Protein backbone atom coordinates (compact mmCIF):
# COMPACT_ATOMS: atom_id res chain seq x y z
CA MET A 1 -33.32 -11.10 1.75
CA ILE A 2 -31.48 -10.89 5.10
CA ALA A 3 -29.91 -14.33 4.55
CA ALA A 4 -28.63 -13.26 1.12
CA GLN A 5 -27.18 -10.06 2.61
CA LEU A 6 -25.41 -12.01 5.38
CA SER A 7 -24.03 -14.47 2.82
CA SER A 8 -22.75 -11.55 0.71
CA GLN A 9 -21.06 -10.01 3.76
CA ARG A 10 -19.40 -13.32 4.65
CA LEU A 11 -18.02 -13.59 1.12
CA ALA A 12 -16.78 -9.99 1.38
CA ILE A 13 -15.02 -10.77 4.68
CA LEU A 14 -13.46 -13.85 3.09
CA ALA A 15 -12.31 -11.69 0.16
CA LEU A 16 -10.79 -9.23 2.65
CA ILE A 17 -8.91 -12.04 4.45
CA VAL A 18 -7.49 -13.35 1.16
CA LEU A 19 -6.54 -9.78 0.17
CA VAL A 20 -4.66 -9.20 3.44
CA LEU A 21 -2.74 -12.47 3.00
CA ILE A 22 -1.81 -11.52 -0.58
CA TRP A 23 -0.70 -7.97 0.29
CA GLY A 24 1.09 -9.05 3.46
CA TYR A 25 3.11 -11.80 1.80
CA ASN A 26 3.89 -9.55 -1.17
CA TRP A 27 6.55 -7.77 0.93
CA VAL A 28 8.52 -11.03 1.12
CA VAL A 29 8.05 -11.49 -2.63
CA MET A 30 9.35 -7.97 -3.28
CA LYS A 31 12.38 -8.59 -1.06
CA ILE A 32 13.20 -11.69 -3.12
CA ALA A 33 12.69 -9.84 -6.42
CA VAL A 34 15.21 -7.06 -5.67
CA GLN A 35 17.95 -9.70 -5.39
CA TYR A 36 17.64 -10.23 -9.15
CA ALA A 37 16.71 -6.77 -10.47
CA ALA A 38 17.35 -3.11 -9.74
CA PRO A 39 14.49 -1.74 -7.62
CA PHE A 40 13.15 0.69 -10.22
CA ASP A 41 13.38 -1.91 -13.00
CA TYR A 42 11.24 -4.28 -10.94
CA ALA A 43 8.85 -1.52 -9.84
CA ALA A 44 8.38 -0.32 -13.44
CA LEU A 45 7.63 -3.84 -14.67
CA ARG A 46 5.27 -4.51 -11.79
CA VAL A 47 3.27 -1.29 -12.16
CA LEU A 48 3.10 -1.37 -15.98
CA LEU A 49 2.07 -5.04 -16.18
CA GLY A 50 -0.35 -4.54 -13.30
CA GLY A 51 -2.00 -1.65 -15.15
CA LEU A 52 -2.25 -3.70 -18.35
CA SER A 53 -3.82 -6.60 -16.43
CA LEU A 54 -6.44 -4.23 -14.96
CA LEU A 55 -7.05 -2.83 -18.45
CA ILE A 56 -7.97 -6.37 -19.51
CA VAL A 57 -10.31 -6.60 -16.50
CA LEU A 58 -11.98 -3.33 -17.57
CA GLY A 59 -12.56 -4.76 -21.03
CA TRP A 60 -13.87 -8.02 -19.57
CA ARG A 61 -16.34 -6.08 -17.40
CA ARG A 62 -17.29 -3.92 -20.42
CA GLN A 63 -16.58 -0.72 -18.53
CA PRO A 64 -15.45 2.52 -20.20
CA ILE A 65 -11.69 2.25 -20.67
CA TRP A 66 -10.51 5.85 -21.10
CA PRO A 67 -10.40 7.81 -17.79
CA LYS A 68 -12.39 11.01 -17.26
CA ARG A 69 -9.46 12.85 -15.63
CA VAL A 70 -6.15 12.01 -17.27
CA GLY A 71 -4.27 14.80 -15.48
CA GLY A 72 -5.55 13.77 -12.07
CA ALA A 73 -4.80 10.11 -12.78
CA PHE A 74 -1.24 11.04 -13.73
CA VAL A 75 -0.64 13.08 -10.54
CA VAL A 76 -2.09 10.37 -8.30
CA GLY A 77 -0.18 7.72 -10.27
CA ALA A 78 3.08 9.64 -9.85
CA LEU A 79 2.52 9.70 -6.08
CA GLN A 80 0.82 6.35 -5.39
CA MET A 81 2.57 4.26 -8.04
CA SER A 82 5.89 5.88 -9.00
CA GLY A 83 6.64 7.30 -5.54
CA PHE A 84 5.16 4.55 -3.41
CA TYR A 85 6.27 1.48 -5.36
CA GLY A 86 9.59 2.96 -6.47
CA LEU A 87 10.71 4.12 -3.02
CA SER A 88 9.35 1.10 -1.12
CA THR A 89 11.08 -1.30 -3.51
CA TRP A 90 14.32 0.68 -3.17
CA ALA A 91 13.95 0.48 0.63
CA LEU A 92 13.85 -3.33 0.41
CA VAL A 93 17.31 -3.50 -1.16
CA SER A 94 18.94 -2.98 2.24
CA GLY A 95 15.93 -3.02 4.59
CA GLY A 96 13.95 -5.88 6.07
CA ALA A 97 10.63 -6.86 4.47
CA GLY A 98 8.66 -6.79 7.74
CA LYS A 99 10.05 -3.46 8.92
CA THR A 100 9.50 -1.85 5.51
CA ALA A 101 5.91 -3.13 5.43
CA VAL A 102 5.12 -1.58 8.84
CA LEU A 103 6.70 1.78 7.94
CA ASN A 104 4.77 1.86 4.66
CA TYR A 105 1.50 1.09 6.42
CA ALA A 106 2.03 4.21 8.52
CA MET A 107 0.29 5.77 5.51
CA PRO A 108 -3.06 6.39 7.33
CA PHE A 109 -1.12 8.39 9.95
CA TRP A 110 0.21 10.73 7.23
CA VAL A 111 -3.24 10.89 5.60
CA LEU A 112 -4.67 12.02 8.95
CA LEU A 113 -2.13 14.83 9.24
CA LEU A 114 -2.28 15.88 5.57
CA ALA A 115 -6.10 15.89 5.60
CA TRP A 116 -5.92 18.16 8.65
CA LEU A 117 -3.45 20.54 6.97
CA VAL A 118 -4.71 20.43 3.36
CA LEU A 119 -8.40 19.52 3.53
CA GLY A 120 -9.22 21.11 6.89
CA GLU A 121 -10.50 17.82 8.34
CA GLN A 122 -10.61 17.83 12.14
CA VAL A 123 -8.41 15.50 14.23
CA ARG A 124 -10.63 14.41 17.11
CA GLY A 125 -10.34 12.66 20.46
CA VAL A 126 -8.54 9.35 20.30
CA GLN A 127 -7.00 10.26 16.93
CA TRP A 128 -4.55 12.52 18.78
CA VAL A 129 -3.59 9.49 20.89
CA SER A 130 -2.97 7.56 17.67
CA VAL A 131 -0.79 10.42 16.36
CA VAL A 132 1.39 10.35 19.48
CA ALA A 133 1.56 6.54 19.49
CA ALA A 134 2.52 6.44 15.79
CA LEU A 135 5.22 9.09 16.27
CA THR A 136 6.63 7.17 19.24
CA GLY A 137 6.61 3.98 17.18
CA LEU A 138 8.43 5.68 14.31
CA ILE A 139 11.10 6.95 16.69
CA CYS A 140 11.53 3.43 18.11
CA ILE A 141 12.04 1.97 14.63
CA LEU A 142 14.26 4.77 13.32
CA MET A 143 16.57 4.84 16.35
CA PRO A 144 17.07 1.28 17.64
CA PHE A 145 20.64 1.38 18.99
CA SER A 146 22.69 2.94 16.20
CA PHE A 147 21.09 5.94 14.52
CA THR A 148 22.91 5.26 11.25
CA GLU A 149 22.19 1.52 11.00
CA GLY A 150 19.76 0.89 8.16
CA LEU A 151 18.60 4.50 8.36
CA PHE A 152 18.55 5.04 4.59
CA SER A 153 16.12 2.18 3.92
CA LYS A 154 13.87 3.36 6.77
CA GLU A 155 13.83 6.90 5.36
CA LEU A 156 12.90 5.53 1.92
CA ALA A 157 10.07 3.48 3.45
CA LEU A 158 8.75 6.56 5.27
CA LEU A 159 8.98 8.68 2.11
CA SER A 160 7.08 6.02 0.17
CA SER A 161 4.29 6.00 2.78
CA ILE A 162 4.12 9.83 2.63
CA SER A 163 3.95 9.66 -1.17
CA TRP A 164 1.13 7.09 -0.90
CA ALA A 165 -0.71 9.39 1.52
CA GLY A 166 -0.22 12.37 -0.81
CA GLY A 167 -1.82 10.42 -3.64
CA ILE A 168 -4.82 9.64 -1.44
CA ILE A 169 -5.26 13.33 -0.56
CA VAL A 170 -5.17 14.31 -4.26
CA ALA A 171 -7.67 11.53 -5.06
CA LYS A 172 -9.96 12.80 -2.28
CA LYS A 173 -9.79 16.31 -3.76
CA LEU A 174 -10.75 14.89 -7.16
CA GLN A 175 -13.64 12.92 -5.65
CA GLN A 176 -14.97 16.07 -4.01
CA ARG A 177 -15.52 17.52 -7.49
CA SER A 178 -17.28 14.45 -8.90
CA PRO A 179 -17.35 10.68 -8.21
CA LEU A 180 -14.56 8.53 -9.65
CA ASP A 181 -14.84 5.08 -11.22
CA LEU A 182 -12.35 3.43 -8.84
CA LEU A 183 -11.37 0.52 -11.09
CA SER A 184 -10.83 2.72 -14.15
CA PHE A 185 -8.99 5.35 -12.12
CA THR A 186 -6.75 2.71 -10.49
CA THR A 187 -5.97 1.18 -13.90
CA TRP A 188 -4.90 4.50 -15.37
CA GLN A 189 -2.97 5.69 -12.36
CA MET A 190 -0.94 2.47 -12.74
CA LEU A 191 -0.41 2.90 -16.47
CA LEU A 192 0.42 6.61 -16.21
CA GLY A 193 2.34 6.10 -12.96
CA SER A 194 4.64 3.64 -14.70
CA ILE A 195 5.96 6.42 -16.98
CA PRO A 196 8.23 8.12 -14.35
CA LEU A 197 9.51 4.68 -13.29
CA ILE A 198 10.34 3.77 -16.90
CA LEU A 199 12.15 7.11 -17.30
CA VAL A 200 14.24 6.41 -14.18
CA THR A 201 15.18 2.95 -15.44
CA SER A 202 16.17 4.48 -18.81
CA LEU A 203 18.28 7.28 -17.33
CA VAL A 204 19.91 5.61 -14.30
CA PRO A 205 22.50 2.89 -15.08
CA SER A 206 21.82 -0.43 -13.35
CA GLN A 207 22.67 -4.10 -13.59
CA PRO A 208 20.54 -6.03 -16.12
CA ILE A 209 17.70 -8.12 -14.74
CA THR A 210 18.56 -11.71 -13.93
CA TRP A 211 15.59 -13.60 -15.35
CA SER A 212 15.83 -16.46 -12.88
CA PRO A 213 12.84 -18.71 -12.01
CA ALA A 214 12.66 -16.98 -8.61
CA PHE A 215 12.43 -13.50 -10.18
CA ILE A 216 9.87 -14.58 -12.78
CA ALA A 217 7.74 -16.17 -10.03
CA ALA A 218 8.02 -13.01 -7.91
CA LEU A 219 7.02 -10.80 -10.85
CA ILE A 220 4.04 -13.01 -11.71
CA TYR A 221 2.92 -12.94 -8.07
CA SER A 222 3.21 -9.15 -7.87
CA VAL A 223 1.30 -8.60 -11.13
CA ILE A 224 -1.48 -11.23 -10.98
CA PRO A 225 -2.39 -11.86 -7.31
CA GLY A 226 -0.63 -8.76 -5.96
CA ASN A 227 -2.25 -6.31 -8.37
CA ALA A 228 -5.10 -7.60 -10.55
CA ILE A 229 -6.69 -10.11 -8.15
CA ALA A 230 -5.96 -8.00 -5.06
CA TRP A 231 -7.65 -4.89 -6.47
CA LEU A 232 -10.70 -6.90 -7.57
CA LEU A 233 -10.95 -8.40 -4.06
CA TRP A 234 -10.60 -4.90 -2.57
CA PHE A 235 -13.38 -3.43 -4.72
CA TYR A 236 -15.59 -6.45 -3.98
CA ALA A 237 -15.07 -6.11 -0.20
CA LEU A 238 -15.51 -2.33 -0.36
CA SER A 239 -18.82 -2.67 -2.23
CA ARG A 240 -20.29 -4.98 0.43
CA LEU A 241 -18.71 -3.80 3.68
CA PRO A 242 -18.51 -0.37 5.35
CA ALA A 243 -15.40 1.50 4.20
CA GLY A 244 -14.14 1.75 7.79
CA VAL A 245 -14.45 -2.01 8.33
CA ALA A 246 -12.65 -2.76 5.05
CA GLY A 247 -9.90 -0.25 5.89
CA LEU A 248 -9.50 -1.66 9.39
CA GLY A 249 -9.13 -5.16 7.94
CA THR A 250 -6.18 -4.17 5.76
CA LEU A 251 -4.20 -3.23 8.90
CA ALA A 252 -3.47 -6.94 9.26
CA ALA A 253 -1.32 -6.80 6.09
CA PRO A 254 1.86 -5.47 7.80
CA VAL A 255 1.39 -8.07 10.55
CA ILE A 256 1.33 -10.80 7.87
CA GLY A 257 4.41 -9.16 6.32
CA VAL A 258 6.34 -9.27 9.61
CA LEU A 259 5.33 -12.89 10.33
CA ALA A 260 6.11 -14.07 6.77
CA ALA A 261 9.48 -12.28 6.78
CA GLY A 262 10.34 -13.94 10.08
CA MET A 263 9.37 -17.42 8.88
CA GLN A 264 10.78 -17.33 5.33
CA LEU A 265 13.62 -14.79 5.50
CA GLY A 266 14.64 -15.25 9.14
CA GLU A 267 14.14 -11.56 9.97
CA GLU A 268 14.04 -10.89 13.71
CA PRO A 269 13.39 -7.26 14.71
CA ARG A 270 15.16 -5.92 17.77
CA VAL A 271 13.12 -5.36 20.90
CA LEU A 272 12.82 -1.60 20.40
CA GLU A 273 11.93 -2.05 16.73
CA ALA A 274 9.28 -4.63 17.67
CA VAL A 275 7.84 -2.18 20.21
CA GLY A 276 7.74 0.49 17.47
CA MET A 277 5.91 -1.86 15.11
CA VAL A 278 3.31 -2.68 17.76
CA LEU A 279 2.81 1.02 18.53
CA ILE A 280 2.31 1.92 14.85
CA ILE A 281 -0.15 -0.94 14.20
CA GLY A 282 -2.00 -0.06 17.43
CA ALA A 283 -2.13 3.62 16.42
CA LEU A 284 -3.54 2.73 13.00
CA GLY A 285 -6.15 0.53 14.68
CA LEU A 286 -7.20 3.38 16.99
CA ASN A 287 -7.48 5.73 14.04
CA ALA A 288 -9.62 3.26 12.07
CA MET A 289 -11.88 2.58 15.07
CA GLN A 290 -12.42 6.32 15.48
CA ALA A 291 -13.43 6.49 11.80
CA LEU A 292 -15.99 3.73 12.43
CA ARG A 293 -17.76 5.54 15.29
CA PRO A 294 -20.01 7.82 13.19
CA GLN A 295 -21.10 4.74 11.21
CA LYS A 296 -22.09 2.92 14.42
CA ARG A 297 -24.15 5.87 15.61
CA ALA A 298 -25.83 6.06 12.20
């Protein structure tokens, strides 16, 4: 019994490692994709096809397909899919993949503050240290030497992380009413969240997509490993590991994004920007470790 449990946990940790590699490298893939397509065109394709792929997974697992809360799925999808994917992809047009990844993964910092303001959750002890460290890191990244240099892409990345955090807060409110089927809810927030993106692509003029081998490969990566496989790995890890441990593990994703961007795209952050990245990742780690403490006592 114990041996089987340990084996299951090892597989879950392996799944988490593969997930982090997929999500981390996906920022490089996204940066390549926006060279061949307008950001909202690519985001709409990615989210819609990702939702359809998860719909197939739902059918394969013989789970109920239609969501229990269509309205809630649409609101969360508008924030976590339309807002997050649309704005983060737009940020990559002029911003670096590694820097954008780190700013987007400031999401737990915004969740902490929004949960305090909206849900009345207390910010305790070392979490205040993480808030100060994250704010300092954001200032370092936003104001390297020239306040205007690359500022627009950084603002878009921050807005996308805030939108992601807002979606999490809404999802938490929904879960307080009754439990959610995470796979079904994720599928429908993707499908419904693709609607605003499709509307933007229809209303805003843009250059047609260049269907090059590089773009097709990037799209396939984003849809299959980056969405369908990644979410299955996440649910598998989450079902066999404590939520805090699984969440802490995903903090390696922006590190992978920075390293991959440096190796493949030749991105080299300035010293102050690098310091900001380290501060943000450290702050997120402190916040996650604080979340783990009640579990350890239990």
